[in-house]
Amino acid sequence: MLNFSKWPLLLLLSTEELATIQQVCVFGASANEAIYITNDNKVFVLGENCSGCLGTGDGLRTIVPKQLSCLEGKKVVSLSYGSGPHILLATADGKLFACGDNIYAQLGVGGVSICELSQSLVTVNIPNMKVKEVACGAHHSMVLTEDGEVFAWGYNNHGQAGSHFPVVQPFPDKVGGSLQGKTVIGITCGHSFSMALLDNGEIHGWGDNHNGQLGVGHDNYVSMMPCRLSALQESCIKQVVSGYGHSLAVTDKGLLYSWGANTFGQLGIGDKNKCCSPVQVMADEERFVEVAACHSTNTSAAKTQSGQVYMWGQCRGQAVVMPRLTHFTNTDDVFACDDDLPLTVTEALKNEFDSPETADLKFIVEGKCIHVHKAVLKIRCEHFRSMFRSPWVESHQEVIEISQFSYTIYRSFLQFLYTDTVDLPPEDAIGLLDLATSYCESRLKHLSQQIVKAGITIQNAFALFSSAKQFDAEDLEEFCFRFCISHLTQVTQTPTFSQVDGNVLKGFIIRASYAGAFRY
């Protein structure tokens, strides 16, 4: 079952109802409206029903889920929310449905109206075309057809609907310009601009550009027709998404780029200055596989190949200018409404680890930088308390170089001071045990030993024994020795055993003989 704990509105549903959900869209100014799809492809709605966005035909709010009978037997394949507000839905047979506010003709049924047509779902006609993807801006709409063509309509004051003229576009109209003759595979909308991703990895944008959100190298006010974002022409883009006034893109090599408005740090580049051309984000991190943003927020999110989720921008009422690692497992949770709640002390401390934005001290280990806070170190570690209170040379430095420990070990130690947890493989935990001993950190020493004992295997047992012996960890050395003796035949057949230093091997054999390992 999906985890709905981040979305209070969904907690109105029973456990049985939650168990049936395969897909859900939570929307509205306070996340107080939702459309969800069950495992048998039925569509239900609940919530405020602002401007008739639930499509129930009565305009009434409801905390009891109501089924949209007009979608009975149809499978919804794409769904989007516009903050105007309005909703677009596409079904597997290529049909398009809309509901919500229509003051700028964003429903695509001709003419404008305030909720007159928005009390129930209406069918939008795009002749001889099957829709496979939908996207909503604040007051404009866009669809992608199975043939790779883009149609747009609604408010066009900045050219976001792809028309030459800055007027309301009442019906879906094919978007031309630089998209002419090209095959589009993805679409996204910002508040007042639009983006299209082509099958050759190109990005084309149009609409409002006063924050450089089209990524074309300048901030000329509008672009009435699509134009190519040429700055990334050497890259093959796999995904592009848009926030209120910024965009994010991921390449086929897992590189992450951002451009546009940056008032809340939503570009993730360490400051609040807008960028009119794409800039790379977190260049030294592992491959990114997914990005997320929505036109009603200034928040950004990204997921790495290993499943780590980062967030930045307008987060919990703060302007976060650098990506921060979260405890989330998917990017959707980044936008959950409880992220507007104040951080707990534990969460705040965890988030500030290695944050250049607030740090007042840097450690350089193996040429890599780790940002920390002197106050935290003094509170959490006696070694640092003594360092900063005594006339040590380091007490007056803003940058301290560490040579006796590896980057992995020292970073894990500093992170432990912020989180009280350790996440290392047993082979590295041995090195952390040595550090803990040097710094008289008894809890860290205990955690390191636990990791080693829990992670010992036939393959690594002798290596762990050798390391424990090297670092004078007598209790752990004895534990590893006993494990090796208990699995002596298998351990001696591992590559580690055959490659060990001769003196260590000799000492082990003598010790094993005294332990009775070679008796008949």
Foldseek 3Di string as FASTA:
>chain_A
DDDCVLAVLVVLDDPVVVVFFDDKDQDDPQSFKIWTAGPVGWIWIAGCCALNQRQPLPSHHHSDIDTQVVCVPWHWQEKEAAQLTKIWTATPQQWIKIAGAFQQLQRAPFDHDRSPRRNHIDTADDPPWGFRYWEYANFKIWTATPQQWIWIFGQCLQLQRQDPDRGGGNHTDTHDDPCPPFGFDDKEDANFKIWTAGPQQWIKIWGAQCQLQRQCQDRDGGGNHIDTNCLCVVFRWDDKYYEQFKIWTATPQQWIWIFGAQCLLLRQPQDGRGHNHIDTAPVVDAGWDDKDYHNHDSKIWTAHPVQWIWIAGCWLNHRGNHTFTDPDRDPVSRPRSCRVPDDDPLRVLLRCWQRPNPFQAWEAFPNDITGDHLVLCLVQAVLSVCVLVDPDPCVPDRYHYDYPAHPVLVSQVSSCSRNVDGDDALLSLLRNLLVCVVRVPVSSNVRSLVRNLVRDDLQCLVVQLVSCVVSVVVVSNVVSLVVCLVVVVSNCPHPPNVPDDPVSNVVSVVVSVVVVSPDD
